[in-house]
């Protein structure tokens, strides 16, 4: 188990086998920076000192001077928050196990940066991979597996192509397909300049794909929404704003239907003792995206859920194309002129 931020400071302070006066003062400073209560500090300090003779690694560095430098960099929370998001994004390229995620989140949360790490790992904010980070985040880099030769880390891996029918297609001279760490059920396709198809069974895609700069099937959007809901559930967050904390949205129940230029999303919500319900919301796509008004017959208590579902669909339509463009090495481009063609969504790429 990786050490907590305070345990890391303990290891630095005790690195020569004894706690100096300067080291003790810096531990007091560290406790204040971490907003750690006396009770929690005592628990961590006792546990660490008990284990000090064991062979398990309890530190990522040595020396009071390193502790001083580490404490100094802890003060710049804005730059650390930005770096932590990017480190989370980079961890996806290395490969992030469940255990590594739990340890990394625990350490980052101890620094008050747990939510920032989650946003990077779960791609909830647009960030790029990172090659350098503040020294205070060296322990987090080791937990995430980033503390390797960065020249080796950023060597582009060979892309594995498969035969299949496009579910995503990009018509752009500079587009280059890559593996999708955020949706491994898709793979780049042979015989297409830049396209991805499903590498799993039981996913049907209409082969009559329309023309457009960026075109993707609604099955991709549905899968993306399921992942967004699952991420929130796994982090213990409310699945949808407007729902009580003990109510849970079932990601697998996500359903998208299209009628003309209108798209409707529905999900099953577990209300516990009150059973299951299936709220819905719709939007209209015609060059731009707009939220449709809730039905007048909808009970007032359900209006916040209707609004939340609408915003979830809007968020997915905004973030999914961005992720696709990044995967095609077009991360600096934007999209416009979004339209629905049956079960396909087309957009224009603006360089």
Protein backbone atom coordinates (compact mmCIF):
# COMPACT_ATOMS: atom_id res chain seq x y z
CA UNK A 1 0.00 0.00 0.00
CA UNK A 2 1.40 3.40 -0.98
CA UNK A 3 2.02 5.89 1.83
CA UNK A 4 -0.27 8.82 2.50
CA UNK A 5 1.12 12.33 1.92
CA UNK A 6 1.84 12.68 5.65
CA UNK A 7 3.54 9.26 5.79
CA UNK A 8 5.71 10.36 2.88
CA UNK A 9 6.71 13.42 4.89
CA UNK A 10 7.45 11.21 7.90
CA UNK A 11 9.75 9.04 5.82
CA UNK A 12 11.68 12.10 4.62
CA UNK A 13 11.95 13.53 8.13
CA UNK A 14 13.18 10.21 9.58
CA UNK A 15 15.40 9.28 6.62
CA UNK A 16 18.63 9.36 8.66
CA UNK A 17 17.13 7.27 11.46
CA UNK A 18 16.36 10.17 13.77
CA UNK A 19 13.95 13.08 13.74
CA UNK A 20 15.77 16.43 13.75
CA UNK A 21 14.30 19.59 15.26
CA UNK A 22 13.98 21.05 11.77
CA UNK A 23 12.26 17.88 10.59
CA UNK A 24 9.77 18.04 13.48
CA UNK A 25 8.94 21.65 12.65
CA UNK A 26 8.41 20.78 9.02
CA UNK A 27 6.06 17.95 9.98
CA UNK A 28 3.98 20.48 11.89
CA UNK A 29 3.91 22.62 8.77
CA UNK A 30 2.96 19.63 6.64
CA UNK A 31 0.08 18.76 8.97
CA UNK A 32 -1.29 22.28 8.57
CA UNK A 33 -0.91 22.24 4.78
CA UNK A 34 -2.80 18.94 4.58
CA UNK A 35 -5.49 20.14 7.02
CA UNK A 36 -4.82 16.95 8.97
CA UNK A 37 -6.41 16.67 12.41
CA UNK A 38 -4.29 15.74 15.43
CA UNK A 39 -6.20 12.47 15.71
CA UNK A 40 -5.56 11.41 12.10
CA UNK A 41 -1.95 12.50 12.34
CA UNK A 42 -1.46 10.39 15.46
CA UNK A 43 -2.98 7.33 13.77
CA UNK A 44 -0.79 7.67 10.67
CA UNK A 45 2.34 8.49 12.69
CA UNK A 46 1.87 5.49 14.99
CA UNK A 47 1.22 3.14 12.07
CA UNK A 48 4.23 4.41 10.16
CA UNK A 49 6.62 4.23 13.11
CA UNK A 50 5.39 0.72 13.88
CA UNK A 51 6.24 -0.36 10.33
CA UNK A 52 9.52 1.54 10.06
CA UNK A 53 11.59 -1.62 10.49
CA UNK A 54 9.74 -3.53 7.79
CA UNK A 55 11.04 -3.92 4.28
CA UNK A 56 7.98 -2.45 2.57
CA UNK A 57 8.76 0.81 0.84
CA UNK A 58 7.45 3.70 2.92
CA UNK A 59 9.03 6.65 1.11
CA UNK A 60 9.84 7.93 -2.35
CA UNK A 61 12.91 9.99 -1.36
CA UNK A 62 15.32 10.89 1.44
CA UNK A 63 16.47 13.89 3.42
CA UNK A 64 15.27 17.00 5.25
CA UNK A 65 16.26 19.12 2.28
CA UNK A 66 13.96 17.13 0.02
CA UNK A 67 11.20 17.49 2.62
CA UNK A 68 11.77 21.26 2.62
CA UNK A 69 11.57 21.41 -1.17
CA UNK A 70 8.49 19.20 -1.14
CA UNK A 71 6.74 21.42 1.40
CA UNK A 72 7.54 24.55 -0.61
CA UNK A 73 5.98 23.18 -3.78
CA UNK A 74 2.85 22.12 -1.89
CA UNK A 75 1.89 25.79 -1.64
CA UNK A 76 1.24 26.18 -5.37
CA UNK A 77 -2.13 24.40 -5.48
CA UNK A 78 -3.26 25.93 -8.78
CA UNK A 79 -0.34 24.54 -10.77
CA UNK A 80 -0.54 21.23 -8.92
CA UNK A 81 -4.26 20.87 -9.72
CA UNK A 82 -3.54 21.40 -13.42
CA UNK A 83 -0.63 18.94 -13.30
CA UNK A 84 -2.66 16.30 -11.45
CA UNK A 85 -5.38 16.37 -14.13
CA UNK A 86 -2.73 15.89 -16.82
CA UNK A 87 -1.08 13.09 -14.84
CA UNK A 88 -4.42 11.32 -14.65
CA UNK A 89 -4.75 11.64 -18.43
CA UNK A 90 -1.19 10.29 -18.93
CA UNK A 91 -1.91 7.32 -16.66
CA UNK A 92 -4.45 6.08 -19.20
CA UNK A 93 -1.69 5.76 -21.80
CA UNK A 94 0.47 3.74 -19.42
CA UNK A 95 -2.43 1.58 -18.27
CA UNK A 96 -4.14 2.21 -14.95
CA UNK A 97 -5.13 -0.74 -12.79
CA UNK A 98 -7.94 -0.58 -10.24
CA UNK A 99 -5.43 -0.90 -7.39
CA UNK A 100 -3.22 1.87 -8.78
CA UNK A 101 -6.26 4.10 -9.20
CA UNK A 102 -7.33 3.53 -5.61
CA UNK A 103 -3.86 4.26 -4.23
CA UNK A 104 -3.36 7.27 -6.49
CA UNK A 105 -6.74 8.73 -5.58
CA UNK A 106 -6.05 8.20 -1.88
CA UNK A 107 -2.72 10.02 -2.13
CA UNK A 108 -4.09 12.85 -4.28
CA UNK A 109 -7.10 13.20 -2.00
CA UNK A 110 -4.74 13.60 0.92
CA UNK A 111 -3.35 16.64 -0.87
CA UNK A 112 -6.83 17.96 -1.58
CA UNK A 113 -6.46 17.05 -5.26
CA UNK A 114 -8.55 13.88 -5.50
CA UNK A 115 -11.27 15.47 -7.66
CA UNK A 116 -8.65 16.92 -10.01
CA UNK A 117 -7.08 13.50 -10.52
CA UNK A 118 -10.51 12.00 -11.20
CA UNK A 119 -11.29 14.63 -13.82
CA UNK A 120 -8.08 13.74 -15.67
CA UNK A 121 -8.47 9.97 -15.39
CA UNK A 122 -12.12 9.98 -16.40
CA UNK A 123 -11.57 12.56 -19.17
CA UNK A 124 -14.17 14.92 -17.76
CA UNK A 125 -11.98 17.86 -18.70
CA UNK A 126 -9.90 18.35 -21.82
CA UNK A 127 -6.25 17.98 -20.77
CA UNK A 128 -3.11 16.79 -22.50
CA UNK A 129 -0.59 14.19 -21.36
CA UNK A 130 2.22 15.50 -19.19
CA UNK A 131 6.00 15.01 -19.30
CA UNK A 132 6.96 17.01 -16.19
CA UNK A 133 5.23 17.79 -12.91
CA UNK A 134 5.97 19.69 -9.67
CA UNK A 135 8.32 17.81 -7.32
CA UNK A 136 5.52 17.58 -4.75
CA UNK A 137 3.76 15.18 -7.10
CA UNK A 138 6.67 12.76 -7.55
CA UNK A 139 5.04 10.21 -5.20
CA UNK A 140 1.83 10.35 -7.23
CA UNK A 141 3.82 9.86 -10.44
CA UNK A 142 5.35 6.67 -9.03
CA UNK A 143 1.96 5.31 -7.97
CA UNK A 144 0.54 6.03 -11.43
CA UNK A 145 3.51 4.42 -13.17
CA UNK A 146 4.69 7.67 -14.77
CA UNK A 147 8.12 7.69 -13.09
CA UNK A 148 9.83 5.97 -16.00
CA UNK A 149 11.92 7.28 -18.82
CA UNK A 150 9.53 9.77 -20.37
CA UNK A 151 11.23 9.36 -23.75
CA UNK A 152 10.24 5.70 -23.64
CA UNK A 153 6.83 6.47 -22.19
CA UNK A 154 5.82 8.76 -25.04
CA UNK A 155 7.04 6.51 -27.85
CA UNK A 156 3.93 6.01 -29.92
CA UNK A 157 2.68 2.44 -29.69
CA UNK A 158 1.82 0.44 -32.78
CA UNK A 159 -1.85 0.70 -33.63
CA UNK A 160 -3.68 -2.60 -34.13
CA UNK A 161 -6.10 -2.46 -37.05
CA UNK A 162 -9.06 -4.75 -37.56
CA UNK A 163 -11.49 -5.49 -40.38
CA UNK A 164 -15.00 -4.22 -39.87
CA UNK A 165 -17.71 -1.64 -40.53
CA UNK A 166 -17.06 1.98 -39.50
CA UNK A 167 -18.81 3.29 -36.42
CA UNK A 168 -16.69 6.46 -36.49
CA UNK A 169 -15.22 8.00 -39.63
CA UNK A 170 -13.10 11.12 -40.13
CA UNK A 171 -12.55 12.73 -43.51
CA UNK A 172 -9.54 14.99 -42.96
CA UNK A 173 -6.12 15.01 -44.60
CA UNK A 174 -4.25 15.20 -41.27
CA UNK A 175 -6.33 12.61 -39.39
CA UNK A 176 -4.44 9.56 -38.10
CA UNK A 177 -6.26 6.85 -36.13
CA UNK A 178 -4.88 5.63 -32.80
CA UNK A 179 -6.00 3.20 -30.13
CA UNK A 180 -8.77 4.54 -27.89
CA UNK A 181 -7.82 4.10 -24.23
CA UNK A 182 -11.20 5.50 -23.19
CA UNK A 183 -13.25 3.07 -25.30
CA UNK A 184 -11.33 -0.14 -25.87
CA UNK A 185 -14.32 -1.78 -27.54
CA UNK A 186 -13.37 0.17 -30.68
CA UNK A 187 -10.37 -0.38 -32.94
CA UNK A 188 -9.00 1.41 -36.02
CA UNK A 189 -10.17 -0.18 -39.28
CA UNK A 190 -8.23 -1.52 -42.22
CA UNK A 191 -9.02 -0.03 -45.60
CA UNK A 192 -10.11 3.38 -44.26
CA UNK A 193 -8.04 6.58 -43.99
CA UNK A 194 -9.27 7.22 -40.43
CA UNK A 195 -12.09 5.13 -38.98
CA UNK A 196 -12.93 2.94 -35.99
CA UNK A 197 -15.27 -0.02 -35.69
CA UNK A 198 -16.58 -2.23 -32.91
CA UNK A 199 -14.32 -5.13 -31.98
CA UNK A 200 -17.01 -6.72 -29.81
CA UNK A 201 -19.99 -8.84 -30.75
CA UNK A 202 -23.68 -7.93 -30.64
CA UNK A 203 -23.15 -4.31 -31.72
CA UNK A 204 -24.85 -3.60 -35.02
CA UNK A 205 -23.95 -0.57 -37.13
CA UNK A 206 -25.74 0.53 -40.28
CA UNK A 207 -23.19 0.28 -43.11
CA UNK A 208 -24.82 3.18 -45.01
CA UNK A 209 -22.68 5.83 -43.37
CA UNK A 210 -23.42 9.42 -44.49
CA UNK A 211 -20.77 11.84 -45.70
CA UNK A 212 -19.19 14.34 -43.34
CA UNK A 213 -15.93 15.49 -41.79
CA UNK A 214 -16.60 13.62 -38.53
CA UNK A 215 -19.34 11.02 -38.54
CA UNK A 216 -20.23 8.68 -35.69
CA UNK A 217 -23.01 6.25 -34.92
CA UNK A 218 -25.43 6.80 -32.04
CA UNK A 219 -24.19 3.48 -30.61
CA UNK A 220 -20.91 5.29 -29.87
CA UNK A 221 -22.74 8.11 -28.12
CA UNK A 222 -24.81 5.65 -26.10
CA UNK A 223 -21.68 3.80 -24.97
CA UNK A 224 -20.00 7.09 -24.04
CA UNK A 225 -22.97 8.11 -21.89
CA UNK A 226 -22.93 4.73 -20.13
CA UNK A 227 -19.27 5.28 -19.28
CA UNK A 228 -19.94 8.76 -17.95
CA UNK A 229 -22.67 7.44 -15.63
CA UNK A 230 -20.50 4.50 -14.52
CA UNK A 231 -17.62 6.84 -13.71
CA UNK A 232 -19.86 8.90 -11.45
CA UNK A 233 -21.26 5.81 -9.76
CA UNK A 234 -17.78 4.37 -9.18
CA UNK A 235 -16.61 7.60 -7.61
CA UNK A 236 -19.60 7.60 -5.28
CA UNK A 237 -21.07 10.71 -6.89
CA UNK A 238 -24.74 11.33 -7.63
CA UNK A 239 -25.51 9.79 -11.02
CA UNK A 240 -27.69 12.73 -11.99
CA UNK A 241 -28.17 16.05 -10.28
CA UNK A 242 -31.69 16.26 -8.93
CA UNK A 243 -31.61 12.69 -7.64
CA UNK A 244 -31.32 11.88 -3.94
CA UNK A 245 -27.95 10.35 -3.06
CA UNK A 246 -29.38 6.89 -2.42
CA UNK A 247 -31.02 6.72 -5.87
CA UNK A 248 -28.88 5.13 -8.59
CA UNK A 249 -28.99 5.35 -12.37
CA UNK A 250 -28.33 2.02 -14.10
CA UNK A 251 -25.74 2.74 -16.85
CA UNK A 252 -26.65 -0.34 -18.92
CA UNK A 253 -30.23 0.92 -19.23
CA UNK A 254 -29.22 3.98 -21.26
CA UNK A 255 -31.27 4.18 -24.44
CA UNK A 256 -31.12 6.70 -27.28
CA UNK A 257 -33.87 7.03 -29.86
CA UNK A 258 -34.00 9.31 -32.90
CA UNK A 259 -37.00 10.79 -34.68
CA UNK A 260 -36.17 13.30 -37.38
CA UNK A 261 -33.79 15.82 -35.84
CA UNK A 262 -34.87 15.00 -32.30
CA UNK A 263 -32.90 12.68 -30.00
CA UNK A 264 -34.34 11.29 -26.78
CA UNK A 265 -32.41 9.77 -23.88
CA UNK A 266 -33.97 7.53 -21.25
CA UNK A 267 -32.48 5.63 -18.31
CA UNK A 268 -33.76 3.38 -15.56
CA UNK A 269 -33.42 4.79 -12.07
CA UNK A 270 -33.49 2.60 -8.97
CA UNK A 271 -35.52 4.39 -6.30
CA UNK A 272 -34.89 1.72 -3.71
CA UNK A 273 -38.11 0.81 -1.92
CA UNK A 274 -40.09 2.85 -4.43
CA UNK A 275 -39.00 0.59 -7.31
CA UNK A 276 -37.71 1.46 -10.78
CA UNK A 277 -38.66 4.43 -12.96
CA UNK A 278 -37.57 5.46 -16.45
CA UNK A 279 -37.29 9.25 -16.89
CA UNK A 280 -36.48 10.74 -20.29
CA UNK A 281 -35.46 14.01 -21.96
CA UNK A 282 -34.94 15.10 -25.55
CA UNK A 283 -32.89 17.58 -27.56
CA UNK A 284 -33.06 18.90 -31.09
CA UNK A 285 -30.01 18.87 -33.35
CA UNK A 286 -30.02 21.14 -36.39
CA UNK A 287 -26.57 22.69 -36.91
CA UNK A 288 -26.70 23.64 -33.23
CA UNK A 289 -28.03 21.68 -30.25
CA UNK A 290 -30.96 22.85 -28.13
CA UNK A 291 -32.78 21.30 -25.18
CA UNK A 292 -36.47 20.54 -25.70
CA UNK A 293 -38.96 21.74 -23.09
CA UNK A 294 -40.22 19.19 -20.60
CA UNK A 295 -43.74 17.87 -21.26
CA UNK A 296 -46.38 20.00 -19.54
CA UNK A 297 -47.82 16.88 -17.95
CA UNK A 298 -44.51 16.08 -16.21
CA UNK A 299 -44.81 16.37 -12.40
CA UNK A 300 -42.89 19.31 -10.98
CA UNK A 301 -40.77 17.00 -8.82
CA UNK A 302 -39.38 15.39 -11.99
CA UNK A 303 -38.34 18.63 -13.69
CA UNK A 304 -34.83 18.66 -12.13
CA UNK A 305 -34.23 15.11 -13.36
CA UNK A 306 -35.47 16.04 -16.84
CA UNK A 307 -33.07 18.98 -16.85
CA UNK A 308 -30.21 16.81 -15.61
CA UNK A 309 -30.79 14.18 -18.29
CA UNK A 310 -30.84 16.91 -20.95
CA UNK A 311 -27.56 18.32 -19.68
CA UNK A 312 -26.00 14.84 -19.59
CA UNK A 313 -26.86 14.34 -23.25
CA UNK A 314 -25.58 17.82 -24.13
CA UNK A 315 -22.34 17.13 -22.23
CA UNK A 316 -21.85 13.83 -24.04
CA UNK A 317 -22.41 15.46 -27.44
CA UNK A 318 -19.82 18.09 -26.53
CA UNK A 319 -17.11 15.86 -25.07
CA UNK A 320 -17.30 12.79 -27.34
CA UNK A 321 -16.24 14.59 -30.55
CA UNK A 322 -13.36 16.20 -28.64
CA UNK A 323 -12.10 12.79 -27.53
CA UNK A 324 -12.36 11.49 -31.11
CA UNK A 325 -10.44 14.46 -32.52
CA UNK A 326 -7.66 13.97 -29.97
CA UNK A 327 -7.45 10.29 -30.96
CA UNK A 328 -7.11 11.36 -34.61
CA UNK A 329 -4.33 13.85 -33.76
CA UNK A 330 -6.68 16.76 -34.46
CA UNK A 331 -6.90 17.93 -30.88
CA UNK A 332 -6.55 21.62 -31.79
CA UNK A 333 -9.53 21.52 -34.17
CA UNK A 334 -13.16 22.15 -33.28
CA UNK A 335 -16.51 21.01 -34.64
CA UNK A 336 -19.62 22.78 -35.86
CA UNK A 337 -22.75 22.22 -37.96
CA UNK A 338 -23.91 19.11 -36.11
CA UNK A 339 -26.76 17.19 -37.74
CA UNK A 340 -28.63 13.89 -37.35
CA UNK A 341 -28.99 11.44 -40.22
CA UNK A 342 -30.95 8.49 -38.90
CA UNK A 343 -28.64 6.74 -36.42
CA UNK A 344 -25.65 8.84 -37.47
CA UNK A 345 -24.39 12.21 -36.31
CA UNK A 346 -22.35 14.34 -38.72
CA UNK A 347 -20.23 17.35 -37.87
CA UNK A 348 -17.93 19.76 -39.67
CA UNK A 349 -14.29 19.96 -38.55
CA UNK A 350 -12.96 23.51 -38.26
CA UNK A 351 -9.16 23.70 -38.27
